[in-house]
C-alpha cells in the first residue's frame, strides 16, 4: 500500500495569503525541517504539552467504524497515525468482538500518512518498525497538501496536526481536503491558535518572542527558524477566521474547541 511521490514544496500561508517564500523554502531544507531540531522546537514552544494535545485530538476521532479510510496530512513522523493505531487496538480490545473480528477491524481500517518532506516520512517508517506498528494498514505518501495525487471521495477522515499553518495557500489545502473526503467524511485539524485573555496573552507572547528565539539559538544554533515559528503562529487566522475558511471550502457543522486557553484549537467539519 506504500505510495511515494515527489512534488514541489509548500510554503507557509499568512492571513493575507502571501508568504516569505525564499525564507520558508530555506527552512524546509534547514534546521526547522530537520526532525531532531523540529522536535526540540516543538517542545520549546509548548513545554512538551503537545503530547497531551495530540492524545486528546486523536480521542476526539473515536470510536471509528471498521473499514474507515484515514489520511493524516503533514504527519510524516507518525505522531497522529501511530496514536490512531494504538487507540484502534484499545477500541477493539474493549469491544465485544471476537479476536478475529478485532484483527479484521484493524486490517479493514487504513491510514495513509502524507508529508511533503521525505526525510520526515523516513523517520516515521523507522519509528513504526521500532514501535512494532508497521502493518498493511499503514501507507506513506510524499505529497503537497495543496495537490494531493489522490482520487476524490476516497477517505472518511482527514486529520492534520500542526501542519496547515505551513502551506502556501490554506484555502487550497482545505479544498483538497474536501475533494478527497467522501460525503459524510470528517475534517479534523489541530493547530496553534490565539489566546484571548489579555493577561494570559501577554504572558504567552512574552515567552514566545523573548524566550523561544534565544533558546532556539542555544538548542539549534538557529534564531531565525524559531522566530519564524512564533511569527507564523501569530499570523495564522483566528479561531473564527479559520472556521469561516473551512466553511468556505464547503464543510458544514464546523466548530472548534480551544485547548490551554486557546494556545491551540481543534477545528472539525463534515462534507455533507
C-alpha atoms as a PDB file:
ATOM      1  CA  UNK A   1       0.000   0.000   0.000  1.00  0.00           C
ATOM      2  CA  UNK A   2       3.007   2.243   0.273  1.00  0.00           C
ATOM      3  CA  UNK A   3       2.727   5.268  -2.018  1.00  0.00           C
ATOM      4  CA  UNK A   4       5.713   7.517  -2.595  1.00  0.00           C
ATOM      5  CA  UNK A   5       5.637  10.523  -4.915  1.00  0.00           C
ATOM      6  CA  UNK A   6       7.661  13.688  -5.036  1.00  0.00           C
ATOM      7  CA  UNK A   7       6.110  17.084  -5.603  1.00  0.00           C
ATOM      8  CA  UNK A   8       7.040  20.710  -5.166  1.00  0.00           C
ATOM      9  CA  UNK A   9       7.422  22.492  -1.871  1.00  0.00           C
ATOM     10  CA  UNK A  10       4.529  24.025   0.034  1.00  0.00           C
ATOM     11  CA  UNK A  11       5.181  27.249   1.917  1.00  0.00           C
ATOM     12  CA  UNK A  12       3.668  28.987   4.876  1.00  0.00           C
ATOM     13  CA  UNK A  13       0.414  30.851   4.471  1.00  0.00           C
ATOM     14  CA  UNK A  14      -0.249  34.043   6.368  1.00  0.00           C
ATOM     15  CA  UNK A  15      -3.551  35.837   6.708  1.00  0.00           C
ATOM     16  CA  UNK A  16      -3.028  37.885   3.551  1.00  0.00           C
ATOM     17  CA  UNK A  17      -2.346  34.726   1.547  1.00  0.00           C
ATOM     18  CA  UNK A  18       1.298  35.659   0.974  1.00  0.00           C
ATOM     19  CA  UNK A  19       4.376  34.046   2.417  1.00  0.00           C
ATOM     20  CA  UNK A  20       8.087  34.752   2.755  1.00  0.00           C
ATOM     21  CA  UNK A  21       8.714  32.104   0.103  1.00  0.00           C
ATOM     22  CA  UNK A  22      12.505  32.209  -0.152  1.00  0.00           C
ATOM     23  CA  UNK A  23      12.937  32.085   3.599  1.00  0.00           C
ATOM     24  CA  UNK A  24      10.395  29.315   4.141  1.00  0.00           C
ATOM     25  CA  UNK A  25      11.897  27.218   1.335  1.00  0.00           C
ATOM     26  CA  UNK A  26      15.237  27.508   3.116  1.00  0.00           C
ATOM     27  CA  UNK A  27      13.558  26.426   6.342  1.00  0.00           C
ATOM     28  CA  UNK A  28      12.100  23.343   4.655  1.00  0.00           C
ATOM     29  CA  UNK A  29      15.619  22.161   3.899  1.00  0.00           C
ATOM     30  CA  UNK A  30      17.261  23.592   7.014  1.00  0.00           C
ATOM     31  CA  UNK A  31      17.032  23.224  10.776  1.00  0.00           C
ATOM     32  CA  UNK A  32      13.295  23.917  11.028  1.00  0.00           C
ATOM     33  CA  UNK A  33      12.503  20.844   8.950  1.00  0.00           C
ATOM     34  CA  UNK A  34      15.174  18.569  10.372  1.00  0.00           C
ATOM     35  CA  UNK A  35      13.346  16.161  12.609  1.00  0.00           C
ATOM     36  CA  UNK A  36      15.552  16.292  15.693  1.00  0.00           C
ATOM     37  CA  UNK A  37      15.598  20.072  15.804  1.00  0.00           C
ATOM     38  CA  UNK A  38      11.933  20.344  14.877  1.00  0.00           C
ATOM     39  CA  UNK A  39      11.042  18.189  17.869  1.00  0.00           C
ATOM     40  CA  UNK A  40      13.141  20.402  20.117  1.00  0.00           C
ATOM     41  CA  UNK A  41      11.440  23.434  18.603  1.00  0.00           C
ATOM     42  CA  UNK A  42       8.018  21.933  19.262  1.00  0.00           C
ATOM     43  CA  UNK A  43       8.908  21.198  22.854  1.00  0.00           C
ATOM     44  CA  UNK A  44      10.301  24.671  23.410  1.00  0.00           C
ATOM     45  CA  UNK A  45       7.166  26.296  22.131  1.00  0.00           C
ATOM     46  CA  UNK A  46       4.698  24.327  24.264  1.00  0.00           C
ATOM     47  CA  UNK A  47       6.858  22.815  27.030  1.00  0.00           C
ATOM     48  CA  UNK A  48       6.006  19.265  25.965  1.00  0.00           C
ATOM     49  CA  UNK A  49       2.236  19.658  26.408  1.00  0.00           C
ATOM     50  CA  UNK A  50       1.804  18.917  22.690  1.00  0.00           C
ATOM     51  CA  UNK A  51       1.688  15.221  23.603  1.00  0.00           C
ATOM     52  CA  UNK A  52      -1.435  15.801  25.675  1.00  0.00           C
ATOM     53  CA  UNK A  53      -2.987  17.885  22.895  1.00  0.00           C
ATOM     54  CA  UNK A  54      -2.302  15.144  20.338  1.00  0.00           C
ATOM     55  CA  UNK A  55      -3.701  12.425  22.599  1.00  0.00           C
ATOM     56  CA  UNK A  56      -6.892  14.439  23.077  1.00  0.00           C
ATOM     57  CA  UNK A  57      -7.096  15.227  19.361  1.00  0.00           C
ATOM     58  CA  UNK A  58      -6.952  11.536  18.468  1.00  0.00           C
ATOM     59  CA  UNK A  59      -9.508  10.672  21.137  1.00  0.00           C
ATOM     60  CA  UNK A  60     -11.948  13.143  19.537  1.00  0.00           C
ATOM     61  CA  UNK A  61     -11.986  10.958  16.403  1.00  0.00           C
ATOM     62  CA  UNK A  62     -13.160   7.820  18.179  1.00  0.00           C
ATOM     63  CA  UNK A  63     -14.944   5.481  18.055  1.00  0.00           C
ATOM     64  CA  UNK A  64     -14.044   4.535  14.490  1.00  0.00           C
ATOM     65  CA  UNK A  65     -16.080   2.153  12.397  1.00  0.00           C
ATOM     66  CA  UNK A  66     -14.358  -0.852  10.779  1.00  0.00           C
ATOM     67  CA  UNK A  67     -13.221  -0.036   7.277  1.00  0.00           C
ATOM     68  CA  UNK A  68     -12.554   3.652   7.959  1.00  0.00           C
ATOM     69  CA  UNK A  69     -10.090   5.152   5.472  1.00  0.00           C
ATOM     70  CA  UNK A  70      -7.964   7.824   7.142  1.00  0.00           C
ATOM     71  CA  UNK A  71      -5.434  10.268   5.757  1.00  0.00           C
ATOM     72  CA  UNK A  72      -3.113  12.129   8.116  1.00  0.00           C
ATOM     73  CA  UNK A  73      -1.606  15.094   6.280  1.00  0.00           C
ATOM     74  CA  UNK A  74       1.693  16.670   7.381  1.00  0.00           C
ATOM     75  CA  UNK A  75       2.070  13.618   9.577  1.00  0.00           C
ATOM     76  CA  UNK A  76       5.448  12.325   8.421  1.00  0.00           C
ATOM     77  CA  UNK A  77       6.877  11.201  11.766  1.00  0.00           C
ATOM     78  CA  UNK A  78       3.695   9.286  12.587  1.00  0.00           C
ATOM     79  CA  UNK A  79       2.702  11.056  15.804  1.00  0.00           C
ATOM     80  CA  UNK A  80      -1.006  11.131  14.978  1.00  0.00           C
ATOM     81  CA  UNK A  81      -1.214   7.975  12.867  1.00  0.00           C
ATOM     82  CA  UNK A  82       0.515   5.822  15.482  1.00  0.00           C
ATOM     83  CA  UNK A  83      -1.783   7.159  18.170  1.00  0.00           C
ATOM     84  CA  UNK A  84      -4.687   6.260  15.888  1.00  0.00           C
ATOM     85  CA  UNK A  85      -3.439   2.695  15.531  1.00  0.00           C
ATOM     86  CA  UNK A  86      -2.935   2.302  19.264  1.00  0.00           C
ATOM     87  CA  UNK A  87      -6.371   3.782  20.002  1.00  0.00           C
ATOM     88  CA  UNK A  88      -7.896   1.443  17.430  1.00  0.00           C
ATOM     89  CA  UNK A  89      -6.316  -1.540  19.167  1.00  0.00           C
ATOM     90  CA  UNK A  90      -7.744  -0.367  22.507  1.00  0.00           C
ATOM     91  CA  UNK A  91     -11.156   0.088  20.901  1.00  0.00           C
ATOM     92  CA  UNK A  92     -11.039  -3.443  19.561  1.00  0.00           C
ATOM     93  CA  UNK A  93      -9.966  -4.907  22.904  1.00  0.00           C
ATOM     94  CA  UNK A  94     -12.784  -3.100  24.700  1.00  0.00           C
ATOM     95  CA  UNK A  95     -15.404  -4.177  22.177  1.00  0.00           C
ATOM     96  CA  UNK A  96     -17.422  -7.347  22.368  1.00  0.00           C
ATOM     97  CA  UNK A  97     -15.929  -8.550  19.090  1.00  0.00           C
ATOM     98  CA  UNK A  98     -14.037 -11.794  18.934  1.00  0.00           C
ATOM     99  CA  UNK A  99     -10.273 -11.659  18.499  1.00  0.00           C
ATOM    100  CA  UNK A 100     -10.652 -12.490  14.817  1.00  0.00           C
ATOM    101  CA  UNK A 101     -13.161  -9.679  14.368  1.00  0.00           C
ATOM    102  CA  UNK A 102     -10.877  -7.232  16.141  1.00  0.00           C
ATOM    103  CA  UNK A 103      -7.965  -8.144  13.912  1.00  0.00           C
ATOM    104  CA  UNK A 104     -10.211  -7.857  10.881  1.00  0.00           C
ATOM    105  CA  UNK A 105     -11.377  -4.450  12.028  1.00  0.00           C
ATOM    106  CA  UNK A 106      -7.810  -3.174  12.144  1.00  0.00           C
ATOM    107  CA  UNK A 107      -6.985  -4.684   8.763  1.00  0.00           C
ATOM    108  CA  UNK A 108     -10.016  -3.046   7.196  1.00  0.00           C
ATOM    109  CA  UNK A 109      -9.040   0.364   8.555  1.00  0.00           C
ATOM    110  CA  UNK A 110      -6.368   2.155   6.539  1.00  0.00           C
ATOM    111  CA  UNK A 111      -4.208   5.120   7.496  1.00  0.00           C
ATOM    112  CA  UNK A 112      -2.288   6.981   4.804  1.00  0.00           C
ATOM    113  CA  UNK A 113       0.454   9.220   6.212  1.00  0.00           C
ATOM    114  CA  UNK A 114       1.209  12.123   3.904  1.00  0.00           C
ATOM    115  CA  UNK A 115       4.003  14.677   4.204  1.00  0.00           C
ATOM    116  CA  UNK A 116       5.823  16.996   1.825  1.00  0.00           C
ATOM    117  CA  UNK A 117       9.184  16.068   3.324  1.00  0.00           C
ATOM    118  CA  UNK A 118      10.549  12.613   2.505  1.00  0.00           C
ATOM    119  CA  UNK A 119      13.011  12.732   5.414  1.00  0.00           C
ATOM    120  CA  UNK A 120      10.082  13.043   7.818  1.00  0.00           C
ATOM    121  CA  UNK A 121       8.399  10.017   6.252  1.00  0.00           C
ATOM    122  CA  UNK A 122      11.608   8.018   6.501  1.00  0.00           C
ATOM    123  CA  UNK A 123      11.772   8.779  10.226  1.00  0.00           C
ATOM    124  CA  UNK A 124       8.139   7.746  10.558  1.00  0.00           C
ATOM    125  CA  UNK A 125       8.817   4.405   8.883  1.00  0.00           C
ATOM    126  CA  UNK A 126      11.728   3.719  11.216  1.00  0.00           C
ATOM    127  CA  UNK A 127       9.591   4.639  14.212  1.00  0.00           C
ATOM    128  CA  UNK A 128       6.826   2.307  13.034  1.00  0.00           C
ATOM    129  CA  UNK A 129       9.266  -0.583  12.927  1.00  0.00           C
ATOM    130  CA  UNK A 130      10.710   0.282  16.328  1.00  0.00           C
ATOM    131  CA  UNK A 131       7.245   0.547  17.863  1.00  0.00           C
ATOM    132  CA  UNK A 132       6.100  -2.655  16.105  1.00  0.00           C
ATOM    133  CA  UNK A 133       3.331  -0.691  14.408  1.00  0.00           C
ATOM    134  CA  UNK A 134       4.279  -1.315  10.793  1.00  0.00           C
ATOM    135  CA  UNK A 135       1.381  -3.107   9.138  1.00  0.00           C
ATOM    136  CA  UNK A 136      -0.577  -3.446   5.928  1.00  0.00           C
ATOM    137  CA  UNK A 137      -2.996  -0.763   7.067  1.00  0.00           C
ATOM    138  CA  UNK A 138      -0.287   1.940   7.022  1.00  0.00           C
ATOM    139  CA  UNK A 139       0.609   3.770   3.819  1.00  0.00           C
ATOM    140  CA  UNK A 140       3.120   6.533   3.080  1.00  0.00           C
ATOM    141  CA  UNK A 141       2.837   9.371   0.578  1.00  0.00           C
ATOM    142  CA  UNK A 142       5.238  12.229  -0.157  1.00  0.00           C
ATOM    143  CA  UNK A 143       2.981  14.981  -1.456  1.00  0.00           C
ATOM    144  CA  UNK A 144       1.910  18.605  -1.240  1.00  0.00           C
ATOM    145  CA  UNK A 145      -1.225  19.179   0.854  1.00  0.00           C
ATOM    146  CA  UNK A 146      -2.443  21.554  -1.867  1.00  0.00           C
ATOM    147  CA  UNK A 147      -2.068  18.984  -4.672  1.00  0.00           C
ATOM    148  CA  UNK A 148      -2.690  15.513  -3.317  1.00  0.00           C
ATOM    149  CA  UNK A 149      -2.348  12.864  -6.069  1.00  0.00           C
ATOM    150  CA  UNK A 150      -5.405  11.026  -4.799  1.00  0.00           C
ATOM    151  CA  UNK A 151      -8.898  10.377  -6.215  1.00  0.00           C
ATOM    152  CA  UNK A 152     -11.852  12.349  -4.933  1.00  0.00           C
ATOM    153  CA  UNK A 153     -14.297  10.837  -2.441  1.00  0.00           C
ATOM    154  CA  UNK A 154     -11.743   8.312  -1.177  1.00  0.00           C
ATOM    155  CA  UNK A 155     -11.349   8.985   2.581  1.00  0.00           C
ATOM    156  CA  UNK A 156     -13.631   9.011   5.605  1.00  0.00           C
ATOM    157  CA  UNK A 157     -11.394  11.050   7.886  1.00  0.00           C
ATOM    158  CA  UNK A 158      -8.804  13.750   7.156  1.00  0.00           C
ATOM    159  CA  UNK A 159      -6.535  14.777  10.019  1.00  0.00           C
ATOM    160  CA  UNK A 160      -3.813  17.398  10.114  1.00  0.00           C
ATOM    161  CA  UNK A 161      -1.927  18.416  13.254  1.00  0.00           C
ATOM    162  CA  UNK A 162       0.342  21.463  13.368  1.00  0.00           C
ATOM    163  CA  UNK A 163       0.662  21.394   9.592  1.00  0.00           C
ATOM    164  CA  UNK A 164      -1.914  23.579   7.887  1.00  0.00           C
ATOM    165  CA  UNK A 165      -0.096  26.678   9.099  1.00  0.00           C
ATOM    166  CA  UNK A 166       2.794  25.623   6.875  1.00  0.00           C
ATOM    167  CA  UNK A 167       1.145  25.584   3.459  1.00  0.00           C
ATOM    168  CA  UNK A 168       1.308  28.335   0.885  1.00  0.00           C
ATOM    169  CA  UNK A 169      -2.425  28.652   0.468  1.00  0.00           C
ATOM    170  CA  UNK A 170      -4.660  27.409   3.280  1.00  0.00           C
ATOM    171  CA  UNK A 171      -7.755  27.614   1.082  1.00  0.00           C
ATOM    172  CA  UNK A 172      -6.232  25.260  -1.494  1.00  0.00           C
ATOM    173  CA  UNK A 173      -5.342  22.748   1.211  1.00  0.00           C
ATOM    174  CA  UNK A 174      -8.901  22.918   2.546  1.00  0.00           C
ATOM    175  CA  UNK A 175     -10.285  22.468  -0.967  1.00  0.00           C
ATOM    176  CA  UNK A 176      -8.134  19.358  -1.368  1.00  0.00           C
ATOM    177  CA  UNK A 177      -9.336  18.004   1.956  1.00  0.00           C
ATOM    178  CA  UNK A 178     -12.920  18.478   0.831  1.00  0.00           C
ATOM    179  CA  UNK A 179     -12.220  16.891  -2.566  1.00  0.00           C
ATOM    180  CA  UNK A 180     -10.711  13.662  -1.265  1.00  0.00           C
ATOM    181  CA  UNK A 181     -13.212  13.144   1.550  1.00  0.00           C
ATOM    182  CA  UNK A 182     -16.297  11.083   0.912  1.00  0.00           C
ATOM    183  CA  UNK A 183     -19.754  12.509   1.619  1.00  0.00           C
ATOM    184  CA  UNK A 184     -20.130  12.277   5.381  1.00  0.00           C
ATOM    185  CA  UNK A 185     -16.351  12.419   5.806  1.00  0.00           C
ATOM    186  CA  UNK A 186     -14.822  14.464   8.599  1.00  0.00           C
ATOM    187  CA  UNK A 187     -12.098  17.119   8.564  1.00  0.00           C
ATOM    188  CA  UNK A 188     -10.124  17.417  11.807  1.00  0.00           C
ATOM    189  CA  UNK A 189      -7.385  19.971  12.403  1.00  0.00           C
ATOM    190  CA  UNK A 190      -5.185  20.625  15.431  1.00  0.00           C
ATOM    191  CA  UNK A 191      -3.270  23.883  15.173  1.00  0.00           C
ATOM    192  CA  UNK A 192      -1.746  26.684  17.201  1.00  0.00           C
ATOM    193  CA  UNK A 193      -4.259  29.458  17.648  1.00  0.00           C
ATOM    194  CA  UNK A 194      -4.880  32.640  19.627  1.00  0.00           C
ATOM    195  CA  UNK A 195      -5.143  33.303  23.359  1.00  0.00           C
ATOM    196  CA  UNK A 196      -7.908  35.800  24.031  1.00  0.00           C
ATOM    197  CA  UNK A 197      -7.452  36.548  27.734  1.00  0.00           C
ATOM    198  CA  UNK A 198      -5.337  39.761  27.814  1.00  0.00           C
ATOM    199  CA  UNK A 199      -3.175  38.761  30.772  1.00  0.00           C
ATOM    200  CA  UNK A 200      -2.531  35.241  29.507  1.00  0.00           C
ATOM    201  CA  UNK A 201      -1.912  36.595  26.012  1.00  0.00           C
ATOM    202  CA  UNK A 202       0.736  38.982  27.354  1.00  0.00           C
ATOM    203  CA  UNK A 203       2.475  36.156  29.232  1.00  0.00           C
ATOM    204  CA  UNK A 204       2.327  33.830  26.221  1.00  0.00           C
ATOM    205  CA  UNK A 205       3.586  36.481  23.803  1.00  0.00           C
ATOM    206  CA  UNK A 206       6.408  37.404  26.142  1.00  0.00           C
ATOM    207  CA  UNK A 207       7.512  33.784  26.375  1.00  0.00           C
ATOM    208  CA  UNK A 208       7.129  33.257  22.625  1.00  0.00           C
ATOM    209  CA  UNK A 209       9.016  36.329  21.400  1.00  0.00           C
ATOM    210  CA  UNK A 210      11.509  36.861  24.198  1.00  0.00           C
ATOM    211  CA  UNK A 211      12.373  33.300  25.204  1.00  0.00           C
ATOM    212  CA  UNK A 212      11.865  30.899  22.291  1.00  0.00           C
ATOM    213  CA  UNK A 213      14.192  32.535  19.698  1.00  0.00           C
ATOM    214  CA  UNK A 214      17.131  32.832  22.134  1.00  0.00           C
ATOM    215  CA  UNK A 215      16.591  29.241  23.249  1.00  0.00           C
ATOM    216  CA  UNK A 216      16.464  28.223  19.601  1.00  0.00           C
ATOM    217  CA  UNK A 217      19.871  29.773  19.124  1.00  0.00           C
ATOM    218  CA  UNK A 218      21.191  27.765  22.079  1.00  0.00           C
ATOM    219  CA  UNK A 219      19.492  24.468  21.177  1.00  0.00           C
ATOM    220  CA  UNK A 220      19.856  24.503  17.395  1.00  0.00           C
ATOM    221  CA  UNK A 221      22.136  27.427  16.608  1.00  0.00           C
ATOM    222  CA  UNK A 222      19.343  28.982  14.575  1.00  0.00           C
ATOM    223  CA  UNK A 223      17.496  32.066  15.826  1.00  0.00           C
ATOM    224  CA  UNK A 224      15.605  32.832  12.586  1.00  0.00           C
ATOM    225  CA  UNK A 225      13.820  29.496  12.281  1.00  0.00           C
ATOM    226  CA  UNK A 226      12.467  29.762  15.807  1.00  0.00           C
ATOM    227  CA  UNK A 227      11.488  33.383  15.255  1.00  0.00           C
ATOM    228  CA  UNK A 228       9.629  32.261  12.143  1.00  0.00           C
ATOM    229  CA  UNK A 229       7.697  29.655  14.134  1.00  0.00           C
ATOM    230  CA  UNK A 230       6.446  32.264  16.581  1.00  0.00           C
ATOM    231  CA  UNK A 231       5.528  34.758  13.879  1.00  0.00           C
ATOM    232  CA  UNK A 232       3.716  32.170  11.752  1.00  0.00           C
ATOM    233  CA  UNK A 233       1.569  31.229  14.735  1.00  0.00           C
ATOM    234  CA  UNK A 234       0.611  34.846  15.423  1.00  0.00           C
ATOM    235  CA  UNK A 235      -0.239  35.468  11.761  1.00  0.00           C
ATOM    236  CA  UNK A 236      -2.403  32.366  11.433  1.00  0.00           C
ATOM    237  CA  UNK A 237      -6.148  33.154  11.260  1.00  0.00           C
ATOM    238  CA  UNK A 238      -8.116  33.441  14.488  1.00  0.00           C
ATOM    239  CA  UNK A 239     -10.348  30.589  15.571  1.00  0.00           C
ATOM    240  CA  UNK A 240     -13.409  32.188  13.972  1.00  0.00           C
ATOM    241  CA  UNK A 241     -11.442  33.251  10.910  1.00  0.00           C
ATOM    242  CA  UNK A 242     -10.238  29.709  10.293  1.00  0.00           C
ATOM    243  CA  UNK A 243     -13.752  28.383  10.936  1.00  0.00           C
ATOM    244  CA  UNK A 244     -15.020  30.660   8.175  1.00  0.00           C
ATOM    245  CA  UNK A 245     -12.327  29.396   5.799  1.00  0.00           C
ATOM    246  CA  UNK A 246     -13.343  25.791   6.463  1.00  0.00           C
ATOM    247  CA  UNK A 247     -16.967  26.662   5.757  1.00  0.00           C
ATOM    248  CA  UNK A 248     -15.986  28.452   2.546  1.00  0.00           C
ATOM    249  CA  UNK A 249     -14.336  25.214   1.381  1.00  0.00           C
ATOM    250  CA  UNK A 250     -17.747  23.555   1.585  1.00  0.00           C
ATOM    251  CA  UNK A 251     -17.680  21.910   5.012  1.00  0.00           C
ATOM    252  CA  UNK A 252     -20.724  22.002   7.273  1.00  0.00           C
ATOM    253  CA  UNK A 253     -21.342  21.660  11.016  1.00  0.00           C
ATOM    254  CA  UNK A 254     -17.987  23.397  11.515  1.00  0.00           C
ATOM    255  CA  UNK A 255     -16.969  24.036  15.105  1.00  0.00           C
ATOM    256  CA  UNK A 256     -13.842  24.451  17.185  1.00  0.00           C
ATOM    257  CA  UNK A 257     -12.625  23.746  20.690  1.00  0.00           C
ATOM    258  CA  UNK A 258      -9.899  25.720  22.417  1.00  0.00           C
ATOM    259  CA  UNK A 259      -7.248  23.891  24.417  1.00  0.00           C
ATOM    260  CA  UNK A 260      -4.999  25.529  27.001  1.00  0.00           C
ATOM    261  CA  UNK A 261      -6.859  28.861  26.846  1.00  0.00           C
ATOM    262  CA  UNK A 262      -6.617  28.977  23.053  1.00  0.00           C
ATOM    263  CA  UNK A 263      -2.921  28.263  22.642  1.00  0.00           C
ATOM    264  CA  UNK A 264      -4.154  25.564  20.277  1.00  0.00           C
ATOM    265  CA  UNK A 265      -7.569  24.712  18.908  1.00  0.00           C
ATOM    266  CA  UNK A 266      -9.262  21.748  17.279  1.00  0.00           C
ATOM    267  CA  UNK A 267     -11.444  22.518  14.264  1.00  0.00           C
ATOM    268  CA  UNK A 268     -13.930  19.995  12.942  1.00  0.00           C
ATOM    269  CA  UNK A 269     -16.160  19.951   9.875  1.00  0.00           C
ATOM    270  CA  UNK A 270     -18.098  17.483   7.715  1.00  0.00           C
ATOM    271  CA  UNK A 271     -18.502  17.019   3.985  1.00  0.00           C
ATOM    272  CA  UNK A 272     -22.251  16.746   3.546  1.00  0.00           C
END
